[in-house]
Amino acid sequence: MSKLWAKGYDLDKAVEEFTVGEDPILDIELVRWDAVGSMAHARMLAAIGILTPQEATTLCRELARIVDLDNRGEFAIPIELEDVHTAVENHLVHELGELGKKLHTARSRNDQVILDLRLYMRDRVLAVGDGIGGMVRELIDFADTHRDVPIPGRTHFQLAMPSSVGLWAGAFAEALLDDWELLDAVVQIVDQCPLGSAASYGVNLDIDREMVAELLGFRCVQNNVLYVNNSRGKIEAMLLSVCAQVANDLSKLATDVILWSMPEFRYFSLPPEFCPGSSLMPQKRNPGPFELTRAKAATVQACLFEILEIVRPLISGYNRDFQLTKGPLMRGLRTTVACLEVNRLCMERLQVNRDACLEAFRPELFATDRVLDMARKGVPFRDAYRQVAGALDQMEMEDPVANIRRKTHTGATGNLGLDLARARLAEARKTLETRRKRWQGALTLLLDAAAPGADPAIP
C-alpha cells in the first residue's frame, strides 16, 4: 500500500498523524461518491482513448464492488492511506494490477475531493429538503387545527395584541419555506461538476468535462478551473448558511415552546416520552429536545464560521487548509437534519391547552383594537391613541376568539393563508423530487452499467 503522492521517502510519524487528521474517519461517508465519480471518469477516459472500453468496464465493475463493500460496512480507510482516494486506488491496484494505476490520469486529489463533496452535498441536500418539507407540513397542519385558539401576542416579552396558535405555527411554516427557497438557490451552485479542474490549472489532455457532468447528473460543468478550487469552502459555507437559517428558526420555535409549556403559562404540554427527567427531582419533565435544538443551532453556526475563517486568508489555488472544511460541513449538515426530524416528531405530539390560552387574556390586550375602532369612526389616530392610553384601567374584556376571527386581511389571525403555504410546499417538493430523480437516476445508470453481465458499452 502506498500514498498517491509517494516519491520514495516516508513522512515523520507525528507529521503524518497531524496532516491526515480526521480524514480516514470522515471519508467513510465519501466512499460511495468517490467510486461513482471514478466510474464517470473512467468512462470519459475511454471516450478520449486513454483507456479501452473493456478497461473502463473492468474498472467500473471493481468500483461497483467497492460501493457494495461500503454498503455492507466492509471498506476501510487505514490511517497510512490518508484518505478515501488513496484507499480506493490502492484497492483497484491490488485487485486489477497495472490497470488500477491508470485511473488517476487527468485528475488530482484536489478536484477529486471536490467532486466527492459535491456529490455528498447533493445527497445531503435531499435530506435537508425532506426535513424542511416534513416540518413545514407538520406546522401547517398544527396551525390549521389550532387556528381559532387565541393566545396573547407579545413584544418585548410584554402583552401586546391578540394572537393565535395558528398564527404562531404558520409563521414558522413560512420561515422554513423561505429557508427552502434559499436552499433551492444554493443547490443551483452546488450542482456544478468540478472534475477536470485538476490541481487548479487543468490538464494538457483533451478531456470531456461535459461528458462527466452528464454521466453524474450535474446541471452543468463548473467552468473556470482555478475558481473550482477557489470555490472549495465557499460553496460549503453557502450550504451551511442555509442550515444556519433553518437551525435558527428551529431555535426560536424551541424557545417559544419551552416558555409556553412552563407551569406559569401552560399553553402547551409536551408528551412525557419527549421529556427527560431529573436524577434528583422526581416531578421534573424537562424540554430536553427543544433545549438541545437551541444549542445545536449554535453548533451549526459555528460550523459555518469555522469554514469561512479557514478559507478567508488563502491565496488562489489549492491549499491544504481546505482539508479542514470537510469536518464542519458534515457536522453541520448532520446536525441540521437531526434537528428537523426531532422537532417534527415533537410538533406532531405537542398538545395545546385551550383553557390556559384563554385564561391568559387581559383587557389591555384589546387596547390597540379599541384605538383602531375609534379611528374607523373618524377620530384621528393619535387622539384615539391618547384617549385609550389615558383610560387603560377602564378597558373591558372582549371575546378573544371573536377578536382573532375578525382580523381577515391577508396574513392576519382570521386569514392565515395556509393554502398559500401548502402551495409553496407542494412546489418545493416537486422541485426536490425532480432533482432526486435526475441525481439518483444518473448514479443508478452508472452502477447498473457496471453490473456483471451488463453491456460494456459506454452509457
Protein backbone atom coordinates (compact mmCIF):
# COMPACT_ATOMS: atom_id res chain seq x y z
CA MET A 1 0.00 0.00 0.00
CA SER A 2 1.32 3.43 -0.90
CA LYS A 3 0.27 7.07 -0.82
CA LEU A 4 -0.76 8.64 -4.12
CA TRP A 5 1.99 11.24 -3.79
CA ALA A 6 4.70 8.73 -2.74
CA LYS A 7 8.16 9.68 -4.03
CA GLY A 8 10.44 7.29 -2.16
CA TYR A 9 10.50 8.80 1.32
CA ASP A 10 8.37 8.46 4.45
CA LEU A 11 6.79 11.22 6.50
CA ASP A 12 7.69 11.71 10.13
CA LYS A 13 5.07 9.78 12.11
CA ALA A 14 3.90 12.78 14.13
CA VAL A 15 3.63 14.87 10.97
CA GLU A 16 1.71 12.11 9.22
CA GLU A 17 -0.85 11.89 12.02
CA PHE A 18 -1.13 15.67 12.12
CA THR A 19 -1.69 16.05 8.38
CA VAL A 20 -4.00 13.08 7.97
CA GLY A 21 -6.24 14.30 10.79
CA GLU A 22 -9.86 13.10 10.70
CA ASP A 23 -9.86 12.12 7.03
CA PRO A 24 -9.87 8.31 7.48
CA ILE A 25 -12.98 8.68 9.66
CA LEU A 26 -14.78 11.40 7.71
CA ASP A 27 -14.02 9.88 4.32
CA ILE A 28 -16.02 6.75 5.08
CA GLU A 29 -19.02 8.91 4.15
CA LEU A 30 -17.40 9.63 0.77
CA VAL A 31 -16.54 6.09 -0.37
CA ARG A 32 -19.68 5.71 -2.48
CA TRP A 33 -19.20 9.12 -4.07
CA ASP A 34 -15.51 8.58 -4.79
CA ALA A 35 -16.36 5.29 -6.51
CA VAL A 36 -19.20 6.58 -8.70
CA GLY A 37 -17.22 9.70 -9.58
CA SER A 38 -14.37 7.45 -10.62
CA MET A 39 -16.77 5.42 -12.78
CA ALA A 40 -17.71 8.54 -14.73
CA HIS A 41 -14.04 9.49 -15.04
CA ALA A 42 -13.15 6.01 -16.34
CA ARG A 43 -15.91 6.20 -18.96
CA MET A 44 -14.62 9.58 -20.06
CA LEU A 45 -11.02 8.33 -20.30
CA ALA A 46 -12.25 5.53 -22.55
CA ALA A 47 -14.15 8.00 -24.72
CA ILE A 48 -10.96 10.01 -25.37
CA GLY A 49 -8.78 6.93 -25.93
CA ILE A 50 -6.76 6.83 -22.70
CA LEU A 51 -8.49 3.60 -21.69
CA THR A 52 -10.07 0.92 -23.85
CA PRO A 53 -13.81 0.36 -23.39
CA GLN A 54 -13.05 -3.00 -21.79
CA GLU A 55 -10.57 -1.43 -19.37
CA ALA A 56 -13.16 1.15 -18.38
CA THR A 57 -15.75 -1.56 -17.84
CA THR A 58 -13.34 -3.62 -15.73
CA LEU A 59 -12.55 -0.59 -13.59
CA CYS A 60 -16.22 0.30 -13.22
CA ARG A 61 -17.13 -3.21 -12.14
CA GLU A 62 -14.48 -3.16 -9.43
CA LEU A 63 -15.61 0.32 -8.37
CA ALA A 64 -19.17 -1.02 -8.12
CA ARG A 65 -17.78 -3.77 -5.89
CA ILE A 66 -16.30 -1.07 -3.65
CA VAL A 67 -19.76 0.52 -3.39
CA ASP A 68 -21.13 -2.86 -2.38
CA LEU A 69 -18.40 -3.33 0.22
CA ASP A 70 -19.13 0.14 1.57
CA ASN A 71 -22.85 -0.61 1.77
CA ARG A 72 -22.00 -3.63 3.92
CA GLY A 73 -19.59 -1.65 6.10
CA GLU A 74 -16.61 -3.66 4.86
CA PHE A 75 -14.49 -0.97 3.17
CA ALA A 76 -11.86 0.51 5.47
CA ILE A 77 -9.53 3.50 5.19
CA PRO A 78 -6.35 2.83 7.23
CA ILE A 79 -4.57 5.93 8.54
CA GLU A 80 -1.49 5.13 6.46
CA LEU A 81 -3.58 5.57 3.30
CA GLU A 82 -4.64 9.05 4.40
CA ASP A 83 -7.96 9.38 2.58
CA VAL A 84 -10.69 7.74 0.51
CA HIS A 85 -8.96 8.46 -2.81
CA THR A 86 -5.83 6.56 -1.81
CA ALA A 87 -7.83 3.72 -0.31
CA VAL A 88 -9.91 3.30 -3.48
CA GLU A 89 -6.92 3.45 -5.82
CA ASN A 90 -4.91 1.00 -3.71
CA HIS A 91 -7.86 -1.38 -3.78
CA LEU A 92 -8.01 -1.12 -7.57
CA VAL A 93 -4.27 -1.71 -7.94
CA HIS A 94 -4.44 -4.68 -5.58
CA GLU A 95 -7.33 -6.25 -7.50
CA LEU A 96 -6.55 -5.16 -11.08
CA GLY A 97 -2.80 -4.62 -11.12
CA GLU A 98 -1.45 -2.09 -13.64
CA LEU A 99 -4.92 -1.13 -14.81
CA GLY A 100 -5.68 0.35 -11.40
CA LYS A 101 -2.78 2.78 -11.85
CA LYS A 102 -4.32 4.31 -14.99
CA LEU A 103 -7.50 5.69 -13.45
CA HIS A 104 -5.95 8.81 -11.93
CA THR A 105 -4.93 10.11 -15.36
CA ALA A 106 -6.01 13.75 -15.86
CA ARG A 107 -7.23 14.38 -12.34
CA SER A 108 -5.82 15.42 -8.97
CA ARG A 109 -6.93 14.64 -5.47
CA ASN A 110 -7.90 18.32 -5.45
CA ASP A 111 -10.71 18.08 -7.98
CA GLN A 112 -11.44 14.51 -6.91
CA VAL A 113 -12.29 15.50 -3.34
CA ILE A 114 -14.32 18.49 -4.55
CA LEU A 115 -16.33 16.12 -6.75
CA ASP A 116 -16.85 13.71 -3.86
CA LEU A 117 -18.06 16.56 -1.67
CA ARG A 118 -20.38 17.95 -4.34
CA LEU A 119 -21.98 14.51 -4.73
CA TYR A 120 -22.16 14.21 -0.94
CA MET A 121 -23.72 17.67 -0.64
CA ARG A 122 -26.31 16.84 -3.30
CA ASP A 123 -27.29 13.77 -1.31
CA ARG A 124 -27.49 15.74 1.95
CA VAL A 125 -29.49 18.50 0.23
CA LEU A 126 -32.18 15.89 -0.38
CA ALA A 127 -32.18 15.01 3.32
CA VAL A 128 -32.33 18.68 4.37
CA GLY A 129 -35.11 19.33 1.85
CA ASP A 130 -37.07 16.32 3.08
CA GLY A 131 -36.60 17.52 6.66
CA ILE A 132 -37.80 21.03 5.87
CA GLY A 133 -40.78 19.63 3.97
CA GLY A 134 -41.79 17.35 6.82
CA MET A 135 -41.50 20.11 9.40
CA VAL A 136 -43.44 22.59 7.26
CA ARG A 137 -46.24 20.08 6.70
CA GLU A 138 -46.48 19.45 10.44
CA LEU A 139 -46.55 23.18 11.20
CA ILE A 140 -49.25 23.87 8.60
CA ASP A 141 -51.42 21.06 9.98
CA PHE A 142 -50.81 22.30 13.53
CA ALA A 143 -51.77 25.84 12.51
CA ASP A 144 -54.91 24.62 10.78
CA THR A 145 -56.00 22.51 13.75
CA HIS A 146 -55.46 25.36 16.22
CA ARG A 147 -56.31 28.37 14.02
CA ASP A 148 -59.03 29.55 16.44
CA VAL A 149 -57.08 29.07 19.66
CA PRO A 150 -56.21 32.59 20.86
CA ILE A 151 -53.02 33.42 22.75
CA PRO A 152 -51.63 36.77 23.85
CA GLY A 153 -49.21 38.22 21.35
CA ARG A 154 -46.11 39.71 22.91
CA THR A 155 -43.46 42.29 22.11
CA HIS A 156 -40.56 42.96 24.49
CA PHE A 157 -41.93 39.92 26.43
CA GLN A 158 -44.88 42.11 27.42
CA LEU A 159 -48.56 41.74 26.50
CA ALA A 160 -49.17 43.29 23.09
CA MET A 161 -52.21 42.25 20.97
CA PRO A 162 -54.34 39.15 20.50
CA SER A 163 -52.64 36.41 18.53
CA SER A 164 -53.38 32.73 17.93
CA VAL A 165 -51.67 29.37 17.99
CA GLY A 166 -52.46 29.15 14.27
CA LEU A 167 -50.67 32.43 13.55
CA TRP A 168 -47.66 31.29 15.58
CA ALA A 169 -47.29 27.91 13.84
CA GLY A 170 -47.96 29.42 10.41
CA ALA A 171 -45.17 31.93 10.99
CA PHE A 172 -42.62 29.14 11.40
CA ALA A 173 -44.00 27.26 8.40
CA GLU A 174 -43.41 30.33 6.23
CA ALA A 175 -39.97 30.89 7.78
CA LEU A 176 -38.90 27.39 6.77
CA LEU A 177 -40.41 27.82 3.31
CA ASP A 178 -38.18 30.86 2.87
CA ASP A 179 -35.27 28.71 4.02
CA TRP A 180 -36.25 26.22 1.34
CA GLU A 181 -36.01 28.95 -1.31
CA LEU A 182 -32.52 29.78 -0.06
CA LEU A 183 -31.65 26.10 -0.29
CA ASP A 184 -33.02 25.96 -3.82
CA ALA A 185 -30.78 28.86 -4.84
CA VAL A 186 -27.68 27.32 -3.28
CA VAL A 187 -28.39 23.97 -4.93
CA GLN A 188 -28.01 25.64 -8.32
CA ILE A 189 -24.43 26.46 -7.34
CA VAL A 190 -23.69 23.11 -5.70
CA ASP A 191 -24.97 21.28 -8.78
CA GLN A 192 -21.89 22.02 -10.94
CA CYS A 193 -19.34 19.36 -11.85
CA PRO A 194 -15.79 20.29 -10.77
CA LEU A 195 -13.91 17.29 -12.19
CA GLY A 196 -11.34 18.19 -14.82
CA SER A 197 -10.00 21.22 -12.99
CA ALA A 198 -7.21 19.00 -11.64
CA ALA A 199 -4.83 20.89 -9.34
CA SER A 200 -6.41 24.25 -10.27
CA TYR A 201 -4.98 24.65 -13.77
CA GLY A 202 -6.49 21.95 -15.98
CA VAL A 203 -4.51 19.34 -17.93
CA ASN A 204 -2.91 19.04 -21.36
CA LEU A 205 -5.29 16.29 -22.49
CA ASP A 206 -8.48 16.81 -24.47
CA ILE A 207 -10.74 15.66 -21.66
CA ASP A 208 -14.52 15.82 -21.97
CA ARG A 209 -15.72 17.54 -18.82
CA GLU A 210 -19.26 17.83 -20.16
CA MET A 211 -19.49 14.04 -20.52
CA VAL A 212 -18.53 13.53 -16.88
CA ALA A 213 -21.06 16.13 -15.74
CA GLU A 214 -23.81 14.45 -17.73
CA LEU A 215 -22.94 10.96 -16.50
CA LEU A 216 -23.16 12.18 -12.90
CA GLY A 217 -26.39 14.11 -13.41
CA PHE A 218 -24.93 17.55 -12.78
CA ARG A 219 -26.71 20.66 -14.04
CA CYS A 220 -23.54 21.87 -15.76
CA VAL A 221 -19.75 21.97 -15.63
CA GLN A 222 -18.14 24.45 -13.25
CA ASN A 223 -16.20 26.30 -15.90
CA ASN A 224 -13.09 28.12 -14.65
CA VAL A 225 -10.58 25.54 -13.40
CA LEU A 226 -8.95 27.92 -10.93
CA TYR A 227 -12.30 29.00 -9.49
CA VAL A 228 -13.21 25.36 -8.96
CA ASN A 229 -10.52 25.12 -6.31
CA ASN A 230 -11.11 28.65 -5.03
CA SER A 231 -14.78 27.75 -4.52
CA ARG A 232 -13.98 24.91 -2.13
CA GLY A 233 -15.17 26.03 1.26
CA LYS A 234 -17.13 28.89 -0.28
CA ILE A 235 -19.87 26.64 -1.64
CA GLU A 236 -19.81 24.53 1.51
CA ALA A 237 -20.34 27.74 3.50
CA MET A 238 -23.25 28.71 1.26
CA LEU A 239 -24.97 25.45 2.08
CA LEU A 240 -24.24 25.76 5.79
CA SER A 241 -25.57 29.32 5.74
CA VAL A 242 -28.94 27.85 4.75
CA CYS A 243 -28.59 25.27 7.52
CA ALA A 244 -27.86 28.07 9.98
CA GLN A 245 -31.10 29.82 8.97
CA VAL A 246 -33.04 26.59 9.42
CA ALA A 247 -31.42 25.92 12.79
CA ASN A 248 -32.07 29.48 13.97
CA ASP A 249 -35.75 29.21 13.05
CA LEU A 250 -35.98 25.95 14.96
CA SER A 251 -34.17 27.57 17.90
CA LYS A 252 -36.72 30.39 18.09
CA LEU A 253 -39.56 27.87 17.90
CA ALA A 254 -37.90 25.84 20.65
CA THR A 255 -37.63 28.87 22.92
CA ASP A 256 -41.31 29.66 22.45
CA VAL A 257 -42.31 26.07 23.24
CA ILE A 258 -40.09 25.97 26.33
CA LEU A 259 -41.55 29.24 27.60
CA TRP A 260 -45.19 28.43 26.83
CA SER A 261 -45.00 24.98 28.38
CA MET A 262 -43.89 26.42 31.74
CA PRO A 263 -46.40 25.95 34.58
CA GLU A 264 -46.88 29.72 34.67
CA PHE A 265 -48.13 29.66 31.05
CA ARG A 266 -49.39 26.12 30.32
CA TYR A 267 -50.29 26.99 26.71
CA PHE A 268 -48.55 23.83 25.56
CA SER A 269 -47.90 20.41 27.08
CA LEU A 270 -45.06 18.19 25.98
CA PRO A 271 -45.59 14.42 25.75
CA PRO A 272 -43.69 12.68 28.57
CA GLU A 273 -41.84 10.44 26.11
CA PHE A 274 -40.09 13.55 24.78
CA CYS A 275 -39.16 14.88 28.23
CA PRO A 276 -36.07 13.54 30.03
CA GLY A 277 -36.33 13.70 33.82
CA SER A 278 -34.15 14.80 36.71
CA SER A 279 -31.85 12.46 38.66
CA LEU A 280 -32.78 14.32 41.85
CA MET A 281 -36.24 15.87 41.47
CA PRO A 282 -38.89 13.23 40.77
CA GLN A 283 -41.51 15.69 39.49
CA LYS A 284 -39.37 17.04 36.65
CA ARG A 285 -40.14 16.57 32.96
CA ASN A 286 -37.64 18.65 31.07
CA PRO A 287 -37.97 20.01 27.49
CA GLY A 288 -34.64 18.42 26.54
CA PRO A 289 -35.12 18.16 22.76
CA PHE A 290 -36.01 21.83 22.49
CA GLU A 291 -33.17 22.93 24.76
CA LEU A 292 -30.70 20.94 22.68
CA THR A 293 -32.16 22.39 19.49
CA ARG A 294 -31.15 25.84 20.71
CA ALA A 295 -27.65 24.64 21.50
CA LYS A 296 -27.31 22.75 18.24
CA ALA A 297 -28.31 25.88 16.32
CA ALA A 298 -25.19 27.45 17.79
CA THR A 299 -23.06 24.49 16.68
CA VAL A 300 -24.38 24.79 13.10
CA GLN A 301 -23.42 28.46 13.07
CA ALA A 302 -20.03 27.53 14.49
CA CYS A 303 -19.52 25.08 11.62
CA LEU A 304 -20.34 27.85 9.14
CA PHE A 305 -17.97 30.34 10.76
CA GLU A 306 -15.23 27.71 11.02
CA ILE A 307 -15.29 27.19 7.26
CA LEU A 308 -15.48 30.91 6.48
CA GLU A 309 -12.47 31.60 8.66
CA ILE A 310 -10.45 28.71 7.23
CA VAL A 311 -10.83 29.90 3.62
CA ARG A 312 -10.77 33.66 4.26
CA PRO A 313 -6.96 34.25 4.22
CA LEU A 314 -6.00 31.79 1.46
CA ILE A 315 -4.35 32.65 -1.84
CA SER A 316 -5.77 31.32 -5.09
CA GLY A 317 -5.27 27.65 -5.93
CA TYR A 318 -5.26 24.61 -3.71
CA ASN A 319 -4.14 24.95 -0.09
CA ARG A 320 -4.02 22.13 2.46
CA ASP A 321 -6.20 24.28 4.74
CA PHE A 322 -9.19 23.17 2.65
CA GLN A 323 -8.92 19.73 4.21
CA LEU A 324 -10.33 21.11 7.46
CA THR A 325 -13.55 22.34 5.85
CA LYS A 326 -14.77 18.78 5.43
CA GLY A 327 -15.50 18.07 9.11
CA PRO A 328 -17.62 21.17 9.84
CA LEU A 329 -19.56 20.67 6.61
CA MET A 330 -20.51 17.13 7.59
CA ARG A 331 -21.25 18.02 11.21
CA GLY A 332 -23.37 21.00 10.24
CA LEU A 333 -25.45 19.05 7.75
CA ARG A 334 -25.86 16.08 10.08
CA THR A 335 -26.97 18.33 12.94
CA THR A 336 -29.47 20.21 10.78
CA VAL A 337 -31.14 17.05 9.51
CA ALA A 338 -31.36 15.65 13.06
CA CYS A 339 -32.89 18.87 14.43
CA LEU A 340 -35.54 18.90 11.70
CA GLU A 341 -36.53 15.30 12.34
CA VAL A 342 -36.70 15.56 16.15
CA ASN A 343 -38.63 18.84 16.06
CA ARG A 344 -41.10 17.36 13.57
CA LEU A 345 -41.74 14.47 15.92
CA CYS A 346 -42.22 16.86 18.85
CA MET A 347 -44.60 19.14 16.94
CA GLU A 348 -46.62 16.11 15.89
CA ARG A 349 -47.32 15.32 19.55
CA LEU A 350 -47.36 18.81 21.08
CA GLN A 351 -50.62 19.42 22.98
CA VAL A 352 -52.41 22.77 23.15
CA ASN A 353 -54.24 23.70 26.35
CA ARG A 354 -57.07 25.90 25.06
CA ASP A 355 -58.38 26.88 28.51
CA ALA A 356 -54.95 28.08 29.64
CA CYS A 357 -54.62 30.13 26.44
CA LEU A 358 -57.99 31.82 27.07
CA GLU A 359 -57.22 32.44 30.75
CA ALA A 360 -54.07 34.35 29.76
CA PHE A 361 -56.04 37.22 28.22
CA ARG A 362 -56.23 40.61 29.95
CA PRO A 363 -58.31 43.66 28.96
CA GLU A 364 -55.23 45.69 27.93
CA LEU A 365 -54.58 43.26 25.08
CA PHE A 366 -57.52 44.87 23.26
CA ALA A 367 -56.26 48.46 23.64
CA THR A 368 -54.93 48.74 20.10
CA ASP A 369 -58.14 47.31 18.67
CA ARG A 370 -60.10 49.97 20.58
CA VAL A 371 -57.88 52.72 19.13
CA LEU A 372 -58.44 51.44 15.59
CA ASP A 373 -62.19 51.14 16.17
CA MET A 374 -62.22 54.83 17.09
CA ALA A 375 -60.11 55.70 14.04
CA ARG A 376 -62.62 53.86 11.87
CA LYS A 377 -65.29 56.22 13.20
CA GLY A 378 -63.27 59.30 12.27
CA VAL A 379 -61.27 60.05 15.40
CA PRO A 380 -57.69 60.97 14.44
CA PHE A 381 -55.44 58.04 15.27
CA ARG A 382 -53.17 60.00 17.61
CA ASP A 383 -56.10 61.43 19.54
CA ALA A 384 -57.65 57.96 19.84
CA TYR A 385 -54.30 56.56 20.99
CA ARG A 386 -54.03 59.12 23.78
CA GLN A 387 -57.61 58.67 24.92
CA VAL A 388 -57.20 54.91 25.24
CA ALA A 389 -53.77 55.26 26.85
CA GLY A 390 -55.25 57.54 29.49
CA ALA A 391 -58.03 55.14 30.37
CA LEU A 392 -56.37 51.71 30.31
CA ASP A 393 -57.84 50.88 33.71
CA GLN A 394 -61.30 51.16 32.13
CA MET A 395 -60.62 48.67 29.34
CA GLU A 396 -63.11 45.84 29.13
CA MET A 397 -62.54 42.25 28.15
CA GLU A 398 -63.55 41.10 24.71
CA ASP A 399 -64.13 37.63 23.34
CA PRO A 400 -60.61 36.60 22.23
CA VAL A 401 -61.91 34.07 19.70
CA ALA A 402 -64.22 36.61 18.04
CA ASN A 403 -61.36 39.09 18.02
CA ILE A 404 -58.91 36.88 16.14
CA ARG A 405 -61.57 35.76 13.68
CA ARG A 406 -62.48 39.36 12.91
CA LYS A 407 -59.00 40.21 11.54
CA THR A 408 -59.34 38.99 7.98
CA HIS A 409 -56.78 40.92 5.94
CA THR A 410 -54.01 38.92 4.28
CA GLY A 411 -51.91 37.03 6.79
CA ALA A 412 -53.88 38.04 9.89
CA THR A 413 -55.30 35.69 12.51
CA GLY A 414 -58.61 35.34 10.67
CA ASN A 415 -56.96 34.76 7.29
CA LEU A 416 -53.79 32.75 7.81
CA GLY A 417 -53.27 31.91 4.13
CA LEU A 418 -52.40 28.31 4.88
CA ASP A 419 -53.42 27.35 1.34
CA LEU A 420 -50.64 29.60 0.07
CA ALA A 421 -48.17 27.83 2.34
CA ARG A 422 -49.42 24.45 1.17
CA ALA A 423 -48.99 25.50 -2.46
CA ARG A 424 -45.42 26.64 -1.78
CA LEU A 425 -44.70 23.36 -0.02
CA ALA A 426 -46.10 21.35 -2.94
CA GLU A 427 -43.94 23.29 -5.41
CA ALA A 428 -40.86 22.83 -3.25
CA ARG A 429 -41.45 19.09 -3.03
CA LYS A 430 -41.97 18.86 -6.76
CA THR A 431 -38.64 20.60 -7.37
CA LEU A 432 -36.90 18.37 -4.84
CA GLU A 433 -38.29 15.21 -6.42
CA THR A 434 -37.21 16.36 -9.90
CA ARG A 435 -33.67 16.76 -8.64
CA ARG A 436 -33.78 13.47 -6.75
CA LYS A 437 -34.87 11.68 -9.91
CA ARG A 438 -32.10 13.27 -12.00
CA TRP A 439 -29.32 12.73 -9.49
CA GLN A 440 -30.23 9.24 -8.39
CA GLY A 441 -31.13 8.20 -11.92
CA ALA A 442 -27.67 9.13 -13.20
CA LEU A 443 -25.94 7.21 -10.42
CA THR A 444 -28.18 4.20 -10.93
CA LEU A 445 -27.27 4.11 -14.63
CA LEU A 446 -23.57 4.12 -13.78
CA LEU A 447 -23.95 1.35 -11.22
CA ASP A 448 -26.22 -0.74 -13.45
CA ALA A 449 -23.78 -0.43 -16.36
CA ALA A 450 -21.05 -1.79 -14.08
CA ALA A 451 -23.04 -4.84 -13.02
CA PRO A 452 -21.75 -8.25 -14.16
CA GLY A 453 -23.29 -9.20 -17.48
CA ALA A 454 -24.20 -5.61 -18.37
CA ASP A 455 -23.40 -4.21 -21.80
CA PRO A 456 -19.82 -2.89 -21.57
CA ALA A 457 -20.57 -0.06 -23.98
CA ILE A 458 -20.16 3.43 -22.58
CA PRO A 459 -23.57 4.54 -21.21
